[in-house]
Protein backbone atom coordinates (compact mmCIF):
# COMPACT_ATOMS: atom_id res chain seq x y z
CA UNK A 1 112.22 80.75 98.33
CA UNK A 2 115.12 82.27 96.38
CA UNK A 3 112.70 83.62 93.79
CA UNK A 4 110.63 85.21 96.58
CA UNK A 5 113.71 86.81 98.14
CA UNK A 6 114.75 88.13 94.74
CA UNK A 7 111.35 89.77 94.27
CA UNK A 8 111.58 91.44 97.68
CA UNK A 9 115.07 92.72 96.86
CA UNK A 10 113.81 94.12 93.55
CA UNK A 11 111.01 95.87 95.44
CA UNK A 12 113.61 97.60 97.62
CA UNK A 13 112.55 95.85 100.81
CA UNK A 14 114.87 96.35 103.76
CA UNK A 15 115.53 93.19 105.81
CA UNK A 16 116.31 92.85 109.50
CA UNK A 17 120.03 92.15 109.07
CA UNK A 18 120.55 95.13 106.78
CA UNK A 19 118.47 97.33 109.07
CA UNK A 20 120.62 96.42 112.05
CA UNK A 21 124.01 96.62 110.33
CA UNK A 22 123.53 99.52 107.91
CA UNK A 23 121.14 101.76 109.82
CA UNK A 24 120.69 100.97 113.53
CA UNK A 25 124.35 100.33 114.33
CA UNK A 26 125.60 102.95 111.92
CA UNK A 27 123.34 105.80 113.04
CA UNK A 28 122.29 105.08 116.64
CA UNK A 29 125.07 105.69 119.11
CA UNK A 30 124.79 103.19 121.96
CA UNK A 31 125.21 105.87 124.64
CA UNK A 32 122.04 107.57 123.40
CA UNK A 33 119.78 104.51 123.64
CA UNK A 34 118.75 104.79 127.33
CA UNK A 35 116.74 107.93 126.57
CA UNK A 36 114.44 105.94 124.29
CA UNK A 37 114.53 102.55 126.04
CA UNK A 38 112.88 104.13 129.10
CA UNK A 39 109.46 105.71 128.50
CA UNK A 40 109.86 107.98 131.51
CA UNK A 41 113.18 109.27 130.19
CA UNK A 42 111.59 109.87 126.79
CA UNK A 43 108.71 111.77 128.38
CA UNK A 44 111.09 113.98 130.35
CA UNK A 45 113.26 114.64 127.30
CA UNK A 46 110.23 115.58 125.19
CA UNK A 47 108.89 117.95 127.83
CA UNK A 48 112.28 119.67 128.11
CA UNK A 49 112.11 120.45 124.39
CA UNK A 50 108.48 121.50 124.26
CA UNK A 51 107.12 118.35 122.61
CA UNK A 52 103.68 117.54 124.07
CA UNK A 53 103.12 114.19 125.80
CA UNK A 54 100.23 112.67 127.80
CA UNK A 55 100.11 114.18 131.29
CA UNK A 56 102.04 112.28 133.96
CA UNK A 57 100.09 111.64 137.18
CA UNK A 58 102.87 109.93 139.13
CA UNK A 59 105.56 107.25 139.31
CA UNK A 60 106.03 104.21 141.53
CA UNK A 61 109.55 102.86 142.04
CA UNK A 62 109.14 100.27 144.80
CA UNK A 63 106.45 98.09 146.35
CA UNK A 64 106.17 100.34 149.39
CA UNK A 65 104.99 103.15 147.10
CA UNK A 66 102.10 101.24 145.51
CA UNK A 67 99.71 102.80 148.01
CA UNK A 68 100.48 106.17 146.37
CA UNK A 69 98.39 105.09 143.37
CA UNK A 70 95.18 105.94 145.24
CA UNK A 71 96.35 109.54 145.56
CA UNK A 72 97.41 109.75 141.91
CA UNK A 73 93.98 108.71 140.61
CA UNK A 74 91.73 109.89 143.44
CA UNK A 75 89.77 112.38 141.32
CA UNK A 76 90.18 110.69 137.96
CA UNK A 77 87.89 108.41 136.02
CA UNK A 78 90.47 107.16 133.53
CA UNK A 79 94.22 106.60 133.47
CA UNK A 80 96.91 104.34 132.03
CA UNK A 81 99.49 102.30 133.97
CA UNK A 82 102.72 101.54 132.11
CA UNK A 83 106.09 99.91 132.79
CA UNK A 84 108.88 102.41 132.18
CA UNK A 85 111.00 99.87 130.26
CA UNK A 86 108.28 97.73 128.72
CA UNK A 87 108.21 96.70 125.08
CA UNK A 88 105.57 95.66 122.59
CA UNK A 89 102.71 97.01 124.68
CA UNK A 90 103.20 94.40 127.40
CA UNK A 91 102.21 95.47 130.89
CA UNK A 92 100.13 98.46 129.78
CA UNK A 93 96.83 98.64 131.64
CA UNK A 94 94.13 101.07 130.50
CA UNK A 95 91.45 102.04 133.02
CA UNK A 96 88.41 103.82 131.55
CA UNK A 97 86.12 104.37 134.56
CA UNK A 98 84.61 103.21 137.84
CA UNK A 99 81.77 100.73 138.38
CA UNK A 100 80.32 100.07 141.86
CA UNK A 101 83.60 100.55 143.66
CA UNK A 102 85.65 98.73 141.01
CA UNK A 103 87.77 99.98 138.15
CA UNK A 104 86.67 99.26 134.58
CA UNK A 105 89.34 98.18 132.08
CA UNK A 106 89.38 99.13 128.40
CA UNK A 107 87.74 95.81 127.53
CA UNK A 108 84.86 96.33 129.98
CA UNK A 109 86.13 93.88 132.59
CA UNK A 110 86.17 94.98 136.22
CA UNK A 111 89.30 95.31 138.29
CA UNK A 112 89.44 95.72 142.05
CA UNK A 113 92.14 97.62 143.93
CA UNK A 114 93.94 94.42 144.93
CA UNK A 115 94.25 93.30 141.32
CA UNK A 116 95.56 96.71 140.33
CA UNK A 117 98.14 96.62 143.13
CA UNK A 118 99.22 93.15 142.01
CA UNK A 119 99.70 94.39 138.46
CA UNK A 120 101.87 97.23 139.72
CA UNK A 121 103.93 94.76 141.75
CA UNK A 122 104.49 92.67 138.61
CA UNK A 123 105.72 95.73 136.75
CA UNK A 124 108.18 96.58 139.52
CA UNK A 125 109.51 93.01 139.55
CA UNK A 126 110.53 93.34 135.89
CA UNK A 127 107.90 91.01 134.44
CA UNK A 128 107.40 93.32 131.43
CA UNK A 129 110.77 95.06 131.20
CA UNK A 130 113.53 94.56 128.67
CA UNK A 131 115.77 91.81 130.00
CA UNK A 132 113.56 91.23 133.04
CA UNK A 133 115.28 93.95 135.04
CA UNK A 134 113.47 95.60 137.99
CA UNK A 135 111.39 98.44 136.67
CA UNK A 136 109.33 101.47 137.59
CA UNK A 137 105.64 102.00 136.92
CA UNK A 138 104.08 105.28 135.94
CA UNK A 139 100.52 106.53 135.64
CA UNK A 140 99.51 108.92 132.90
CA UNK A 141 96.44 110.44 131.28
CA UNK A 142 94.27 108.24 129.08
CA UNK A 143 94.23 109.54 125.50
CA UNK A 144 90.85 110.38 123.98
CA UNK A 145 91.68 109.64 120.36
CA UNK A 146 90.48 111.66 117.40
CA UNK A 147 87.00 110.61 116.20
CA UNK A 148 88.29 110.00 112.67
CA UNK A 149 89.46 106.62 113.99
CA UNK A 150 86.21 105.64 115.75
CA UNK A 151 85.23 102.91 113.28
CA UNK A 152 88.80 101.75 112.81
CA UNK A 153 89.59 100.94 116.43
CA UNK A 154 88.54 98.24 118.88
CA UNK A 155 89.10 98.71 122.61
CA UNK A 156 92.26 100.78 122.50
CA UNK A 157 94.05 103.82 121.13
CA UNK A 158 95.38 103.96 117.56
CA UNK A 159 98.76 105.54 117.04
CA UNK A 160 100.84 106.89 114.17
CA UNK A 161 104.30 105.44 113.62
CA UNK A 162 106.71 107.57 111.59
CA UNK A 163 110.08 106.09 110.66
CA UNK A 164 112.62 108.91 110.75
CA UNK A 165 116.00 108.54 109.04
CA UNK A 166 118.66 111.21 109.54
CA UNK A 167 115.89 113.52 110.67
CA UNK A 168 113.68 112.98 107.60
CA UNK A 169 110.29 111.25 107.88
CA UNK A 170 110.88 108.33 105.52
CA UNK A 171 107.69 106.27 105.88
CA UNK A 172 104.60 106.24 108.07
CA UNK A 173 101.63 104.13 109.10
CA UNK A 174 98.65 104.14 111.43
CA UNK A 175 98.57 101.21 113.85
CA UNK A 176 95.04 100.17 114.74
CA UNK A 177 93.96 98.07 117.75
CA UNK A 178 91.70 95.08 117.15
CA UNK A 179 89.74 92.69 119.31
CA UNK A 180 92.44 90.08 118.78
CA UNK A 181 95.21 92.48 119.86
CA UNK A 182 93.34 93.20 123.12
CA UNK A 183 93.22 96.90 122.41
CA UNK A 184 96.95 97.16 121.71
CA UNK A 185 98.12 98.85 118.51
CA UNK A 186 100.98 96.38 118.03
CA UNK A 187 101.08 94.48 114.75
CA UNK A 188 102.66 91.36 116.23
CA UNK A 189 99.66 91.03 118.57
CA UNK A 190 97.11 91.15 115.74
CA UNK A 191 96.76 94.91 115.21
CA UNK A 192 96.36 96.44 111.77
CA UNK A 193 99.09 98.48 110.09
CA UNK A 194 97.77 101.05 107.65
CA UNK A 195 100.17 102.81 105.28
CA UNK A 196 100.06 106.60 104.90
CA UNK A 197 100.90 108.56 101.78
CA UNK A 198 103.50 111.08 102.96
CA UNK A 199 102.44 113.81 100.53
CA UNK A 200 98.73 113.84 101.42
CA UNK A 201 98.41 112.20 104.84
CA UNK A 202 95.82 109.77 103.46
CA UNK A 203 95.85 106.09 104.30
CA UNK A 204 96.61 103.48 101.70
CA UNK A 205 96.93 99.72 101.89
CA UNK A 206 96.77 97.74 105.11
CA UNK A 207 98.31 94.69 106.71
CA UNK A 208 97.25 92.30 109.44
CA UNK A 209 99.27 89.18 110.29
CA UNK A 210 101.52 89.99 107.31
CA UNK A 211 98.59 89.77 104.90
CA UNK A 212 97.00 92.60 102.94
CA UNK A 213 93.61 93.83 104.25
CA UNK A 214 91.18 96.45 102.95
CA UNK A 215 88.72 96.48 105.85
CA UNK A 216 89.09 96.56 109.62
CA UNK A 217 88.73 92.95 110.81
CA UNK A 218 86.20 93.88 113.54
CA UNK A 219 84.04 96.70 112.15
CA UNK A 220 84.44 96.04 108.43
CA UNK A 221 85.13 99.75 107.94
CA UNK A 222 87.18 100.56 104.80
CA UNK A 223 90.81 101.38 105.53
CA UNK A 224 91.90 103.30 102.43
CA UNK A 225 91.54 107.03 101.89
CA UNK A 226 91.23 108.19 105.50
CA UNK A 227 92.78 111.64 105.97
CA UNK A 228 94.96 111.69 109.10
CA UNK A 229 94.29 114.96 110.98
CA UNK A 230 97.17 117.35 111.78
CA UNK A 231 99.35 115.45 109.33
CA UNK A 232 102.12 118.01 108.86
CA UNK A 233 102.17 118.68 112.62
CA UNK A 234 102.82 114.97 113.17
CA UNK A 235 105.66 114.99 110.64
CA UNK A 236 107.26 118.04 112.25
CA UNK A 237 107.05 116.42 115.68
CA UNK A 238 108.65 113.25 114.33
CA UNK A 239 111.45 115.20 112.62
CA UNK A 240 112.22 117.09 115.84
CA UNK A 241 112.74 113.81 117.69
CA UNK A 242 115.93 113.32 115.69
CA UNK A 243 117.28 116.62 117.00
CA UNK A 244 116.48 115.92 120.64
CA UNK A 245 117.80 112.33 120.67
CA UNK A 246 120.62 112.36 118.12
CA UNK A 247 119.40 108.98 116.84
CA UNK A 248 119.55 108.68 113.07
CA UNK A 249 117.24 105.68 112.66
CA UNK A 250 114.16 106.07 114.81
CA UNK A 251 110.53 105.00 115.13
CA UNK A 252 108.37 107.82 116.51
CA UNK A 253 105.00 106.77 117.95
CA UNK A 254 102.40 109.49 118.35
CA UNK A 255 98.69 109.74 119.12
CA UNK A 256 96.03 112.22 118.09
CA UNK A 257 94.10 113.39 121.14
CA UNK A 258 90.76 115.03 120.34
CA UNK A 259 91.43 117.77 122.91
CA UNK A 260 95.21 118.22 122.86
CA UNK A 261 96.14 117.29 119.29
CA UNK A 262 99.34 115.33 118.51
CA UNK A 263 101.11 113.82 121.53
CA UNK A 264 104.35 111.84 121.61
CA UNK A 265 103.92 108.37 123.12
CA UNK A 266 107.32 106.75 122.80
CA UNK A 267 110.42 106.30 120.66
CA UNK A 268 111.95 103.12 119.28
CA UNK A 269 115.58 102.75 118.20
CA UNK A 270 114.84 99.49 116.34
CA UNK A 271 111.46 100.03 114.70
CA UNK A 272 109.97 97.02 112.97
CA UNK A 273 109.89 96.61 109.21
CA UNK A 274 106.22 95.73 108.63
CA UNK A 275 105.73 99.41 107.81
CA UNK A 276 106.97 98.46 104.33
CA UNK A 277 104.20 95.91 103.86
CA UNK A 278 101.61 98.39 105.13
CA UNK A 279 102.72 100.92 102.52
CA UNK A 280 103.29 98.43 99.72
CA UNK A 281 106.80 99.73 99.04
CA UNK A 282 110.30 99.00 100.31
CA UNK A 283 112.39 101.38 102.38
CA UNK A 284 115.68 101.13 100.53
CA UNK A 285 114.98 103.70 97.81
CA UNK A 286 113.66 106.27 100.30
CA UNK A 287 116.66 105.82 102.61
CA UNK A 288 119.08 106.07 99.69
CA UNK A 289 117.50 109.32 98.51
CA UNK A 290 117.70 110.75 102.02
CA UNK A 291 121.40 109.79 102.16
CA UNK A 292 122.02 111.80 99.00
CA UNK A 293 120.47 114.98 100.41
CA UNK A 294 120.72 114.74 104.21
CA UNK A 295 123.65 117.17 104.51
CA UNK A 296 121.60 119.87 102.77
CA UNK A 297 118.67 119.60 105.22
CA UNK A 298 119.66 121.71 108.20
CA UNK A 299 116.44 121.86 110.26
CA UNK A 300 113.17 119.97 110.86
CA UNK A 301 111.16 122.21 108.52
CA UNK A 302 113.53 121.54 105.62
CA UNK A 303 113.50 117.82 106.32
CA UNK A 304 109.69 117.68 106.40
CA UNK A 305 109.47 119.67 103.16
CA UNK A 306 111.86 117.16 101.58
CA UNK A 307 109.67 114.26 102.73
CA UNK A 308 106.52 115.91 101.39
CA UNK A 309 107.99 116.94 98.04
CA UNK A 310 110.48 114.22 97.19
CA UNK A 311 109.83 110.90 98.90
CA UNK A 312 106.20 110.27 97.82
CA UNK A 313 107.36 110.13 94.19
CA UNK A 314 109.38 107.00 94.83
CA UNK A 315 107.84 103.92 93.25
CA UNK A 316 108.75 100.30 94.02
CA UNK A 317 110.50 98.35 91.32
CA UNK A 318 107.96 95.59 91.89
CA UNK A 319 104.97 95.33 94.23
CA UNK A 320 105.56 93.67 97.56
CA UNK A 321 103.71 90.39 97.84
CA UNK A 322 103.96 87.90 100.68
CA UNK A 323 103.77 84.20 99.98
CA UNK A 324 100.98 82.34 101.80
CA UNK A 325 102.08 80.79 105.06
CA UNK A 326 102.89 77.13 104.87
CA UNK A 327 101.20 74.74 107.25
CA UNK A 328 103.49 73.44 109.98
């Protein structure tokens, strides 16, 4: 175990304790966290600063307002229901169409109006919220993701996670839904994390359940070498999120809509660290280099140029390798 930890340290891997103490607590002022802990607040903040987000159809704050859902989606075939303060993709319901008077979920199962109302009631009760607090539900447009991801996605929408430190995109990955993850792009549910080379926007490496993968577990499609569309636009959007939130250590989750281009989904003040495994390199060297130059980088364009020109050249001291899981 000690030898394994030593190898990870040599590879520059950032651990949870160091992330929390040296980066989250040091760079994320507590008073600024509510704007990212609530998806509705994030959406409003982004719109105020001209950052595109999926269209909002309506919000529901109490059980007596659930009947308003019918009006929100009356002329729509697809939509997404989300808890405002949910985490990890829990409580998100994707509706993709209508079938004989029923709604059709992303997985093809049918859903009647009563079941949809019950799901909304669960959201309002706080079943999916941070700390179990009463919550609000909101209904937004269903993203039609870019066709480049067609063979790399099962039953959901892939997203791009960019880790932004002091306004500089430090590392990035694509998160791909799988059959096991039930269409969610979350790695802890069985999704695939796919590293992205910052300089080129091409995918490299992949991880699923903390193990390296080269093919999508459902389609068998190769994961390496895929060019992410609108790559520099995504990096600029991520860099701007530092300016609008004031948070120095931030996970920016975006989607690529085939009609509207890059859209901001949500922000995370404590982004997970599996992005290092997906990229095959640790974060420490990138963060240290940003620290040395952050004061010189006065605007998002300068910070993106720095990421494109300087960070991709960083090499790990040793490759990251995970030890096989031990049987319980």
